[in-house]
């Protein structure tokens, strides 16, 4: 286990080889990322692969046989090898390949490369590169899970003094998360109705997680009303966005770009049938990048 630091003239980030988890993002002498605290949540920004959320009772069938995975899959629970650090120190790439342990949970051959790169004054790009190293179609989803300090370090705003801002007014209706962590598309709640701004409130998480799809422009900002500080997350290529905090008083909010989501209560338990599942041909590679911009 090791911590890898990347930096440019204005921004510094740190990544743990355990889980290839982003641990820190500092800009203008402020820490924007949640710093692990077991009183609420002992992670910071785990990577989600090969599932996002929960499958029913932790089990699913696939064309390769049974899958036995806890929430968010296997990648966050293993050491990732450092395969590249840029000469200028602004990026690093990590790698996880299938093993006998992962195949007991998810019976597929894969290579997952995670690249973190500082691509602007205050912008971090996180890239998932999934390669099918096997001889059969690979079913998977990926997702990010960065959690951000509320309030931003060095400010004194309350939780309910932040706003989510979307690219344009829209109607957003989210499925409720029910027993077992499944999403119920037949039981939804309206989050936005022809508005582009959602005030942050504890009630946003009455049903655990807000799960959005078709977010306008694939972008969202979270900004303190008084300080003007916050983050913007841009996620082209990710069809879903999860927004989560831990009740009743956790001082963070996670903004999570996803390519898939938890099993729907209306779905069966075949991995290949899941809404949002990517089906990757043998030898092929799938790349997805989202960015975090601090301000």
C-alpha atoms as a PDB file:
ATOM      1  CA  UNK A   1       0.000   0.000   0.000  1.00  0.00           C
ATOM      2  CA  UNK A   2       1.382   3.396  -0.988  1.00  0.00           C
ATOM      3  CA  UNK A   3       0.251   6.959  -1.584  1.00  0.00           C
ATOM      4  CA  UNK A   4       1.032   8.502  -4.975  1.00  0.00           C
ATOM      5  CA  UNK A   5       1.082  12.296  -5.267  1.00  0.00           C
ATOM      6  CA  UNK A   6       0.512  14.231  -8.485  1.00  0.00           C
ATOM      7  CA  UNK A   7       0.729  18.000  -8.745  1.00  0.00           C
ATOM      8  CA  UNK A   8       1.054  21.027 -10.942  1.00  0.00           C
ATOM      9  CA  UNK A   9       1.733  24.660 -10.072  1.00  0.00           C
ATOM     10  CA  UNK A  10      -1.671  25.195  -8.434  1.00  0.00           C
ATOM     11  CA  UNK A  11      -3.224  21.846  -7.532  1.00  0.00           C
ATOM     12  CA  UNK A  12      -2.152  18.667  -5.707  1.00  0.00           C
ATOM     13  CA  UNK A  13      -3.885  15.286  -5.569  1.00  0.00           C
ATOM     14  CA  UNK A  14      -3.100  12.030  -3.786  1.00  0.00           C
ATOM     15  CA  UNK A  15      -4.141   8.487  -4.677  1.00  0.00           C
ATOM     16  CA  UNK A  16      -3.961   5.346  -2.542  1.00  0.00           C
ATOM     17  CA  UNK A  17      -2.798   2.213  -4.345  1.00  0.00           C
ATOM     18  CA  UNK A  18      -5.321   0.304  -2.205  1.00  0.00           C
ATOM     19  CA  UNK A  19      -8.386   0.543  -4.393  1.00  0.00           C
ATOM     20  CA  UNK A  20      -6.751   3.243  -6.566  1.00  0.00           C
ATOM     21  CA  UNK A  21      -8.772   5.641  -4.425  1.00  0.00           C
ATOM     22  CA  UNK A  22      -8.408   9.398  -4.727  1.00  0.00           C
ATOM     23  CA  UNK A  23      -7.633  10.666  -1.221  1.00  0.00           C
ATOM     24  CA  UNK A  24      -7.036  14.366  -1.623  1.00  0.00           C
ATOM     25  CA  UNK A  25      -7.522  17.262  -4.014  1.00  0.00           C
ATOM     26  CA  UNK A  26      -6.087  20.566  -2.852  1.00  0.00           C
ATOM     27  CA  UNK A  27      -6.401  23.842  -4.697  1.00  0.00           C
ATOM     28  CA  UNK A  28      -5.617  27.339  -3.420  1.00  0.00           C
ATOM     29  CA  UNK A  29      -4.628  25.827  -0.041  1.00  0.00           C
ATOM     30  CA  UNK A  30      -8.074  24.262   0.417  1.00  0.00           C
ATOM     31  CA  UNK A  31      -8.864  20.558   0.730  1.00  0.00           C
ATOM     32  CA  UNK A  32     -11.929  19.841  -1.384  1.00  0.00           C
ATOM     33  CA  UNK A  33     -12.151  16.091  -0.903  1.00  0.00           C
ATOM     34  CA  UNK A  34     -13.723  14.449   2.139  1.00  0.00           C
ATOM     35  CA  UNK A  35     -11.068  13.142   4.512  1.00  0.00           C
ATOM     36  CA  UNK A  36     -11.989   9.691   5.782  1.00  0.00           C
ATOM     37  CA  UNK A  37     -13.654   9.581   9.176  1.00  0.00           C
ATOM     38  CA  UNK A  38     -15.156   6.349  10.507  1.00  0.00           C
ATOM     39  CA  UNK A  39     -17.727   8.292  12.526  1.00  0.00           C
ATOM     40  CA  UNK A  40     -19.507   8.739   9.222  1.00  0.00           C
ATOM     41  CA  UNK A  41     -17.740   7.021   6.325  1.00  0.00           C
ATOM     42  CA  UNK A  42     -14.272   5.546   6.161  1.00  0.00           C
ATOM     43  CA  UNK A  43     -13.766   6.013   2.423  1.00  0.00           C
ATOM     44  CA  UNK A  44     -13.135   9.089   0.301  1.00  0.00           C
ATOM     45  CA  UNK A  45     -13.558   8.303  -3.385  1.00  0.00           C
ATOM     46  CA  UNK A  46     -13.766   4.569  -4.130  1.00  0.00           C
ATOM     47  CA  UNK A  47     -13.911   3.305  -7.691  1.00  0.00           C
ATOM     48  CA  UNK A  48     -16.912   1.215  -8.710  1.00  0.00           C
ATOM     49  CA  UNK A  49     -16.339  -1.837 -10.930  1.00  0.00           C
ATOM     50  CA  UNK A  50     -17.749  -4.131 -12.296  1.00  0.00           C
ATOM     51  CA  UNK A  51     -21.074  -3.126 -10.776  1.00  0.00           C
ATOM     52  CA  UNK A  52     -22.485   0.107  -9.438  1.00  0.00           C
ATOM     53  CA  UNK A  53     -24.624  -0.158  -6.333  1.00  0.00           C
ATOM     54  CA  UNK A  54     -26.150  -3.451  -5.272  1.00  0.00           C
ATOM     55  CA  UNK A  55     -27.272  -6.582  -7.042  1.00  0.00           C
ATOM     56  CA  UNK A  56     -30.149  -8.463  -5.444  1.00  0.00           C
ATOM     57  CA  UNK A  57     -28.923 -10.275  -2.307  1.00  0.00           C
ATOM     58  CA  UNK A  58     -25.364  -9.819  -3.563  1.00  0.00           C
ATOM     59  CA  UNK A  59     -25.855 -12.430  -6.274  1.00  0.00           C
ATOM     60  CA  UNK A  60     -26.452 -12.509 -10.017  1.00  0.00           C
ATOM     61  CA  UNK A  61     -26.117 -14.964 -12.855  1.00  0.00           C
ATOM     62  CA  UNK A  62     -24.042 -14.339 -15.947  1.00  0.00           C
ATOM     63  CA  UNK A  63     -23.068 -16.170 -19.106  1.00  0.00           C
ATOM     64  CA  UNK A  64     -19.898 -17.247 -17.271  1.00  0.00           C
ATOM     65  CA  UNK A  65     -21.697 -18.453 -14.158  1.00  0.00           C
ATOM     66  CA  UNK A  66     -22.741 -17.038 -10.777  1.00  0.00           C
ATOM     67  CA  UNK A  67     -21.496 -13.685  -9.483  1.00  0.00           C
ATOM     68  CA  UNK A  68     -21.186 -12.970  -5.766  1.00  0.00           C
ATOM     69  CA  UNK A  69     -20.448  -9.295  -5.171  1.00  0.00           C
ATOM     70  CA  UNK A  70     -21.099  -6.812  -2.426  1.00  0.00           C
ATOM     71  CA  UNK A  71     -22.054  -3.213  -3.138  1.00  0.00           C
ATOM     72  CA  UNK A  72     -20.049  -1.539  -5.932  1.00  0.00           C
ATOM     73  CA  UNK A  73     -18.131  -4.655  -6.935  1.00  0.00           C
ATOM     74  CA  UNK A  74     -14.552  -5.740  -6.388  1.00  0.00           C
ATOM     75  CA  UNK A  75     -12.088  -3.099  -7.588  1.00  0.00           C
ATOM     76  CA  UNK A  76     -12.217  -0.887  -4.502  1.00  0.00           C
ATOM     77  CA  UNK A  77     -11.095  -3.785  -2.276  1.00  0.00           C
ATOM     78  CA  UNK A  78      -7.770  -4.688  -3.922  1.00  0.00           C
ATOM     79  CA  UNK A  79      -4.297  -3.248  -4.272  1.00  0.00           C
ATOM     80  CA  UNK A  80      -3.714  -1.625  -7.677  1.00  0.00           C
ATOM     81  CA  UNK A  81      -0.283  -1.618  -9.294  1.00  0.00           C
ATOM     82  CA  UNK A  82       1.275   1.699 -10.295  1.00  0.00           C
ATOM     83  CA  UNK A  83       2.085   1.339 -14.008  1.00  0.00           C
ATOM     84  CA  UNK A  84       2.951   4.909 -14.964  1.00  0.00           C
ATOM     85  CA  UNK A  85       3.761   8.273 -13.418  1.00  0.00           C
ATOM     86  CA  UNK A  86       4.207  11.145 -15.873  1.00  0.00           C
ATOM     87  CA  UNK A  87       7.669  12.686 -16.056  1.00  0.00           C
ATOM     88  CA  UNK A  88       6.218  16.061 -15.093  1.00  0.00           C
ATOM     89  CA  UNK A  89       4.396  14.542 -12.123  1.00  0.00           C
ATOM     90  CA  UNK A  90       0.907  15.613 -13.221  1.00  0.00           C
ATOM     91  CA  UNK A  91      -0.608  12.161 -13.801  1.00  0.00           C
ATOM     92  CA  UNK A  92      -0.455   8.555 -12.607  1.00  0.00           C
ATOM     93  CA  UNK A  93      -1.967   5.322 -13.882  1.00  0.00           C
ATOM     94  CA  UNK A  94      -2.920   2.296 -11.791  1.00  0.00           C
ATOM     95  CA  UNK A  95      -3.820  -1.231 -12.842  1.00  0.00           C
ATOM     96  CA  UNK A  96      -5.911  -4.097 -11.513  1.00  0.00           C
ATOM     97  CA  UNK A  97      -6.206  -7.402 -13.357  1.00  0.00           C
ATOM     98  CA  UNK A  98      -8.432 -10.356 -12.601  1.00  0.00           C
ATOM     99  CA  UNK A  99      -7.151 -12.967 -10.178  1.00  0.00           C
ATOM    100  CA  UNK A 100      -8.368 -16.217  -8.701  1.00  0.00           C
ATOM    101  CA  UNK A 101      -9.971 -14.151  -5.920  1.00  0.00           C
ATOM    102  CA  UNK A 102     -11.804 -11.759  -8.223  1.00  0.00           C
ATOM    103  CA  UNK A 103     -12.955 -14.602 -10.494  1.00  0.00           C
ATOM    104  CA  UNK A 104     -14.658 -16.275  -7.526  1.00  0.00           C
ATOM    105  CA  UNK A 105     -16.779 -13.144  -7.251  1.00  0.00           C
ATOM    106  CA  UNK A 106     -16.928 -12.077 -10.897  1.00  0.00           C
ATOM    107  CA  UNK A 107     -15.959 -14.897 -13.283  1.00  0.00           C
ATOM    108  CA  UNK A 108     -14.382 -12.782 -16.021  1.00  0.00           C
ATOM    109  CA  UNK A 109     -10.925 -11.793 -17.249  1.00  0.00           C
ATOM    110  CA  UNK A 110     -10.273  -8.046 -17.335  1.00  0.00           C
ATOM    111  CA  UNK A 111      -7.721  -5.280 -16.992  1.00  0.00           C
ATOM    112  CA  UNK A 112      -8.801  -2.070 -15.274  1.00  0.00           C
ATOM    113  CA  UNK A 113      -6.537   0.955 -15.614  1.00  0.00           C
ATOM    114  CA  UNK A 114      -7.281   4.078 -13.587  1.00  0.00           C
ATOM    115  CA  UNK A 115      -5.592   7.309 -14.612  1.00  0.00           C
ATOM    116  CA  UNK A 116      -5.662  10.485 -12.550  1.00  0.00           C
ATOM    117  CA  UNK A 117      -4.384  13.598 -14.323  1.00  0.00           C
ATOM    118  CA  UNK A 118      -4.268  17.284 -13.452  1.00  0.00           C
ATOM    119  CA  UNK A 119      -5.384  18.862 -16.723  1.00  0.00           C
ATOM    120  CA  UNK A 120      -5.847  22.494 -15.736  1.00  0.00           C
ATOM    121  CA  UNK A 121      -5.271  24.996 -12.979  1.00  0.00           C
ATOM    122  CA  UNK A 122      -7.865  23.318 -10.753  1.00  0.00           C
ATOM    123  CA  UNK A 123      -9.170  20.372 -12.784  1.00  0.00           C
ATOM    124  CA  UNK A 124      -8.573  16.686 -12.152  1.00  0.00           C
ATOM    125  CA  UNK A 125      -9.494  14.095 -14.800  1.00  0.00           C
ATOM    126  CA  UNK A 126     -10.296  10.542 -13.706  1.00  0.00           C
ATOM    127  CA  UNK A 127     -10.246   7.964 -16.524  1.00  0.00           C
ATOM    128  CA  UNK A 128     -11.523   4.384 -16.368  1.00  0.00           C
ATOM    129  CA  UNK A 129     -10.017   2.127 -19.032  1.00  0.00           C
ATOM    130  CA  UNK A 130     -11.500  -1.379 -19.075  1.00  0.00           C
ATOM    131  CA  UNK A 131     -10.009  -4.023 -21.373  1.00  0.00           C
ATOM    132  CA  UNK A 132     -11.585  -7.407 -21.989  1.00  0.00           C
ATOM    133  CA  UNK A 133      -8.636  -9.792 -21.738  1.00  0.00           C
ATOM    134  CA  UNK A 134     -10.844 -12.869 -21.991  1.00  0.00           C
ATOM    135  CA  UNK A 135     -12.526 -14.777 -24.821  1.00  0.00           C
ATOM    136  CA  UNK A 136     -16.160 -13.970 -23.994  1.00  0.00           C
ATOM    137  CA  UNK A 137     -18.163 -10.738 -23.841  1.00  0.00           C
ATOM    138  CA  UNK A 138     -17.463  -8.753 -20.662  1.00  0.00           C
ATOM    139  CA  UNK A 139     -20.504  -7.270 -18.853  1.00  0.00           C
ATOM    140  CA  UNK A 140     -19.712  -4.395 -16.497  1.00  0.00           C
ATOM    141  CA  UNK A 141     -20.440  -0.915 -15.209  1.00  0.00           C
ATOM    142  CA  UNK A 142     -18.035   1.671 -13.840  1.00  0.00           C
ATOM    143  CA  UNK A 143     -18.525   4.636 -11.573  1.00  0.00           C
ATOM    144  CA  UNK A 144     -16.769   7.298  -9.576  1.00  0.00           C
ATOM    145  CA  UNK A 145     -17.636   8.140  -5.975  1.00  0.00           C
ATOM    146  CA  UNK A 146     -15.787  11.346  -4.996  1.00  0.00           C
ATOM    147  CA  UNK A 147     -17.100  12.856  -1.766  1.00  0.00           C
ATOM    148  CA  UNK A 148     -16.565  16.535  -1.062  1.00  0.00           C
ATOM    149  CA  UNK A 149     -16.185  18.483   2.159  1.00  0.00           C
ATOM    150  CA  UNK A 150     -19.274  20.402   3.231  1.00  0.00           C
ATOM    151  CA  UNK A 151     -18.353  23.064   4.060  1.00  0.00           C
ATOM    152  CA  UNK A 152     -15.336  23.534   1.819  1.00  0.00           C
ATOM    153  CA  UNK A 153     -12.244  23.771   3.986  1.00  0.00           C
ATOM    154  CA  UNK A 154     -11.657  27.304   5.245  1.00  0.00           C
ATOM    155  CA  UNK A 155     -15.294  28.369   4.925  1.00  0.00           C
ATOM    156  CA  UNK A 156     -18.055  28.311   7.517  1.00  0.00           C
ATOM    157  CA  UNK A 157     -21.204  27.685   5.488  1.00  0.00           C
ATOM    158  CA  UNK A 158     -23.840  25.310   6.794  1.00  0.00           C
ATOM    159  CA  UNK A 159     -24.904  22.205   4.886  1.00  0.00           C
ATOM    160  CA  UNK A 160     -28.060  23.933   3.653  1.00  0.00           C
ATOM    161  CA  UNK A 161     -26.153  26.938   2.302  1.00  0.00           C
ATOM    162  CA  UNK A 162     -25.058  25.045  -0.813  1.00  0.00           C
ATOM    163  CA  UNK A 163     -26.790  24.676  -4.169  1.00  0.00           C
ATOM    164  CA  UNK A 164     -26.578  22.152  -6.982  1.00  0.00           C
ATOM    165  CA  UNK A 165     -26.702  23.947 -10.322  1.00  0.00           C
ATOM    166  CA  UNK A 166     -27.461  22.193 -13.608  1.00  0.00           C
ATOM    167  CA  UNK A 167     -26.864  23.402 -17.163  1.00  0.00           C
ATOM    168  CA  UNK A 168     -30.519  24.274 -17.741  1.00  0.00           C
ATOM    169  CA  UNK A 169     -33.951  23.954 -16.116  1.00  0.00           C
ATOM    170  CA  UNK A 170     -35.256  20.382 -16.265  1.00  0.00           C
ATOM    171  CA  UNK A 171     -37.589  17.857 -14.665  1.00  0.00           C
ATOM    172  CA  UNK A 172     -35.779  15.287 -12.533  1.00  0.00           C
ATOM    173  CA  UNK A 173     -37.542  12.337 -10.975  1.00  0.00           C
ATOM    174  CA  UNK A 174     -35.509   9.779  -9.029  1.00  0.00           C
ATOM    175  CA  UNK A 175     -36.319   6.168  -8.101  1.00  0.00           C
ATOM    176  CA  UNK A 176     -36.474   5.420  -4.409  1.00  0.00           C
ATOM    177  CA  UNK A 177     -33.744   3.155  -3.029  1.00  0.00           C
ATOM    178  CA  UNK A 178     -35.502   0.359  -1.180  1.00  0.00           C
ATOM    179  CA  UNK A 179     -34.608  -2.674   0.903  1.00  0.00           C
ATOM    180  CA  UNK A 180     -31.407  -4.369  -0.178  1.00  0.00           C
ATOM    181  CA  UNK A 181     -30.179  -1.214  -1.916  1.00  0.00           C
ATOM    182  CA  UNK A 182     -32.235  -1.819  -5.061  1.00  0.00           C
ATOM    183  CA  UNK A 183     -33.801   1.011  -7.074  1.00  0.00           C
ATOM    184  CA  UNK A 184     -37.570   1.013  -7.556  1.00  0.00           C
ATOM    185  CA  UNK A 185     -38.522   2.725 -10.844  1.00  0.00           C
ATOM    186  CA  UNK A 186     -42.221   2.350 -10.008  1.00  0.00           C
ATOM    187  CA  UNK A 187     -41.868   4.473  -6.845  1.00  0.00           C
ATOM    188  CA  UNK A 188     -40.207   7.795  -7.586  1.00  0.00           C
ATOM    189  CA  UNK A 189     -39.908  11.285  -6.117  1.00  0.00           C
ATOM    190  CA  UNK A 190     -39.628  14.607  -7.917  1.00  0.00           C
ATOM    191  CA  UNK A 191     -36.360  16.431  -7.218  1.00  0.00           C
ATOM    192  CA  UNK A 192     -36.595  19.241  -9.779  1.00  0.00           C
ATOM    193  CA  UNK A 193     -39.535  20.560 -11.786  1.00  0.00           C
ATOM    194  CA  UNK A 194     -38.453  22.951 -14.532  1.00  0.00           C
ATOM    195  CA  UNK A 195     -35.631  24.370 -12.416  1.00  0.00           C
ATOM    196  CA  UNK A 196     -31.860  24.425 -12.784  1.00  0.00           C
ATOM    197  CA  UNK A 197     -31.042  24.839  -9.071  1.00  0.00           C
ATOM    198  CA  UNK A 198     -31.504  22.348  -6.247  1.00  0.00           C
ATOM    199  CA  UNK A 199     -30.789  23.646  -2.735  1.00  0.00           C
ATOM    200  CA  UNK A 200     -28.796  21.111  -0.738  1.00  0.00           C
ATOM    201  CA  UNK A 201     -30.778  19.801   2.227  1.00  0.00           C
ATOM    202  CA  UNK A 202     -30.721  16.713   4.428  1.00  0.00           C
ATOM    203  CA  UNK A 203     -34.131  15.812   2.970  1.00  0.00           C
ATOM    204  CA  UNK A 204     -32.450  15.264  -0.399  1.00  0.00           C
ATOM    205  CA  UNK A 205     -31.293  11.938   1.061  1.00  0.00           C
ATOM    206  CA  UNK A 206     -34.580  10.718   2.538  1.00  0.00           C
ATOM    207  CA  UNK A 207     -34.331   7.779   0.122  1.00  0.00           C
ATOM    208  CA  UNK A 208     -30.579   7.287   0.531  1.00  0.00           C
ATOM    209  CA  UNK A 209     -29.338   8.387  -2.888  1.00  0.00           C
ATOM    210  CA  UNK A 210     -30.640  10.642  -5.628  1.00  0.00           C
ATOM    211  CA  UNK A 211     -30.158   8.760  -8.903  1.00  0.00           C
ATOM    212  CA  UNK A 212     -30.430  10.989 -11.977  1.00  0.00           C
ATOM    213  CA  UNK A 213     -30.321  10.057 -15.640  1.00  0.00           C
ATOM    214  CA  UNK A 214     -30.056  12.223 -18.749  1.00  0.00           C
ATOM    215  CA  UNK A 215     -28.550  15.118 -16.779  1.00  0.00           C
ATOM    216  CA  UNK A 216     -28.475  18.171 -19.083  1.00  0.00           C
ATOM    217  CA  UNK A 217     -25.005  18.590 -20.530  1.00  0.00           C
ATOM    218  CA  UNK A 218     -23.662  15.867 -18.227  1.00  0.00           C
ATOM    219  CA  UNK A 219     -22.500  18.505 -15.755  1.00  0.00           C
ATOM    220  CA  UNK A 220     -23.373  19.719 -12.254  1.00  0.00           C
ATOM    221  CA  UNK A 221     -21.894  22.219  -9.798  1.00  0.00           C
ATOM    222  CA  UNK A 222     -22.126  22.344  -6.007  1.00  0.00           C
ATOM    223  CA  UNK A 223     -21.497  25.861  -4.705  1.00  0.00           C
ATOM    224  CA  UNK A 224     -21.578  27.630  -1.357  1.00  0.00           C
ATOM    225  CA  UNK A 225     -23.914  30.611  -1.577  1.00  0.00           C
ATOM    226  CA  UNK A 226     -21.802  32.918   0.601  1.00  0.00           C
ATOM    227  CA  UNK A 227     -18.259  31.810  -0.157  1.00  0.00           C
ATOM    228  CA  UNK A 228     -18.700  31.001  -3.849  1.00  0.00           C
ATOM    229  CA  UNK A 229     -16.440  27.977  -3.358  1.00  0.00           C
ATOM    230  CA  UNK A 230     -17.321  24.498  -4.552  1.00  0.00           C
ATOM    231  CA  UNK A 231     -16.803  21.958  -7.301  1.00  0.00           C
ATOM    232  CA  UNK A 232     -18.047  21.238 -10.801  1.00  0.00           C
ATOM    233  CA  UNK A 233     -18.216  17.674 -12.088  1.00  0.00           C
ATOM    234  CA  UNK A 234     -18.385  17.081 -15.853  1.00  0.00           C
ATOM    235  CA  UNK A 235     -19.169  13.529 -16.922  1.00  0.00           C
ATOM    236  CA  UNK A 236     -19.627  12.960 -20.676  1.00  0.00           C
ATOM    237  CA  UNK A 237     -20.151   9.274 -21.400  1.00  0.00           C
ATOM    238  CA  UNK A 238     -21.734   8.570 -18.017  1.00  0.00           C
ATOM    239  CA  UNK A 239     -25.503   8.170 -18.358  1.00  0.00           C
ATOM    240  CA  UNK A 240     -26.291   8.312 -14.635  1.00  0.00           C
ATOM    241  CA  UNK A 241     -25.389  10.468 -11.688  1.00  0.00           C
ATOM    242  CA  UNK A 242     -25.686   9.470  -8.043  1.00  0.00           C
ATOM    243  CA  UNK A 243     -25.710  12.076  -5.279  1.00  0.00           C
ATOM    244  CA  UNK A 244     -25.356  10.769  -1.731  1.00  0.00           C
ATOM    245  CA  UNK A 245     -24.644  11.759   1.835  1.00  0.00           C
ATOM    246  CA  UNK A 246     -24.879   9.799   5.033  1.00  0.00           C
ATOM    247  CA  UNK A 247     -27.758  10.636   7.371  1.00  0.00           C
ATOM    248  CA  UNK A 248     -28.263  12.432   9.578  1.00  0.00           C
ATOM    249  CA  UNK A 249     -25.292  14.800   9.784  1.00  0.00           C
ATOM    250  CA  UNK A 250     -22.317  13.723   7.674  1.00  0.00           C
ATOM    251  CA  UNK A 251     -20.255  16.757   6.572  1.00  0.00           C
ATOM    252  CA  UNK A 252     -19.824  15.637   2.955  1.00  0.00           C
ATOM    253  CA  UNK A 253     -21.685  15.063  -0.296  1.00  0.00           C
ATOM    254  CA  UNK A 254     -20.668  12.497  -2.920  1.00  0.00           C
ATOM    255  CA  UNK A 255     -21.211  13.359  -6.585  1.00  0.00           C
ATOM    256  CA  UNK A 256     -20.943  10.107  -8.512  1.00  0.00           C
ATOM    257  CA  UNK A 257     -20.823   9.677 -12.309  1.00  0.00           C
ATOM    258  CA  UNK A 258     -22.001   6.171 -13.240  1.00  0.00           C
ATOM    259  CA  UNK A 259     -22.425   4.128 -16.420  1.00  0.00           C
ATOM    260  CA  UNK A 260     -24.908   1.831 -14.635  1.00  0.00           C
ATOM    261  CA  UNK A 261     -26.782   1.624 -11.361  1.00  0.00           C
ATOM    262  CA  UNK A 262     -28.153  -0.743  -8.737  1.00  0.00           C
ATOM    263  CA  UNK A 263     -30.419  -3.549  -9.821  1.00  0.00           C
ATOM    264  CA  UNK A 264     -33.960  -2.347 -10.436  1.00  0.00           C
ATOM    265  CA  UNK A 265     -36.762  -4.031  -8.505  1.00  0.00           C
ATOM    266  CA  UNK A 266     -38.342  -4.722 -11.912  1.00  0.00           C
ATOM    267  CA  UNK A 267     -35.244  -6.461 -13.353  1.00  0.00           C
ATOM    268  CA  UNK A 268     -34.196 -10.090 -13.284  1.00  0.00           C
ATOM    269  CA  UNK A 269     -30.861 -11.229 -11.849  1.00  0.00           C
ATOM    270  CA  UNK A 270     -28.895 -11.802 -15.052  1.00  0.00           C
ATOM    271  CA  UNK A 271     -25.929  -9.443 -15.190  1.00  0.00           C
ATOM    272  CA  UNK A 272     -26.088  -9.033 -18.955  1.00  0.00           C
ATOM    273  CA  UNK A 273     -29.723  -7.902 -18.705  1.00  0.00           C
ATOM    274  CA  UNK A 274     -29.087  -4.963 -16.363  1.00  0.00           C
ATOM    275  CA  UNK A 275     -29.975  -1.483 -17.496  1.00  0.00           C
ATOM    276  CA  UNK A 276     -26.784   0.432 -18.212  1.00  0.00           C
ATOM    277  CA  UNK A 277     -24.527  -2.618 -18.463  1.00  0.00           C
ATOM    278  CA  UNK A 278     -21.715  -2.280 -21.011  1.00  0.00           C
ATOM    279  CA  UNK A 279     -21.079  -5.411 -23.094  1.00  0.00           C
ATOM    280  CA  UNK A 280     -17.447  -5.367 -24.216  1.00  0.00           C
ATOM    281  CA  UNK A 281     -16.121  -7.691 -26.930  1.00  0.00           C
ATOM    282  CA  UNK A 282     -12.990  -9.791 -26.344  1.00  0.00           C
ATOM    283  CA  UNK A 283      -9.846  -7.721 -26.869  1.00  0.00           C
ATOM    284  CA  UNK A 284     -11.737  -4.421 -26.837  1.00  0.00           C
ATOM    285  CA  UNK A 285     -11.164  -1.462 -24.486  1.00  0.00           C
ATOM    286  CA  UNK A 286     -13.754   0.953 -23.106  1.00  0.00           C
ATOM    287  CA  UNK A 287     -12.635   4.377 -21.814  1.00  0.00           C
ATOM    288  CA  UNK A 288     -14.668   6.875 -19.770  1.00  0.00           C
ATOM    289  CA  UNK A 289     -13.434  10.137 -18.236  1.00  0.00           C
ATOM    290  CA  UNK A 290     -15.020  12.582 -15.830  1.00  0.00           C
ATOM    291  CA  UNK A 291     -13.466  15.727 -14.422  1.00  0.00           C
ATOM    292  CA  UNK A 292     -13.596  17.570 -11.104  1.00  0.00           C
ATOM    293  CA  UNK A 293     -12.959  21.301 -11.115  1.00  0.00           C
ATOM    294  CA  UNK A 294     -12.477  23.112  -7.815  1.00  0.00           C
ATOM    295  CA  UNK A 295     -13.202  26.797  -7.365  1.00  0.00           C
END
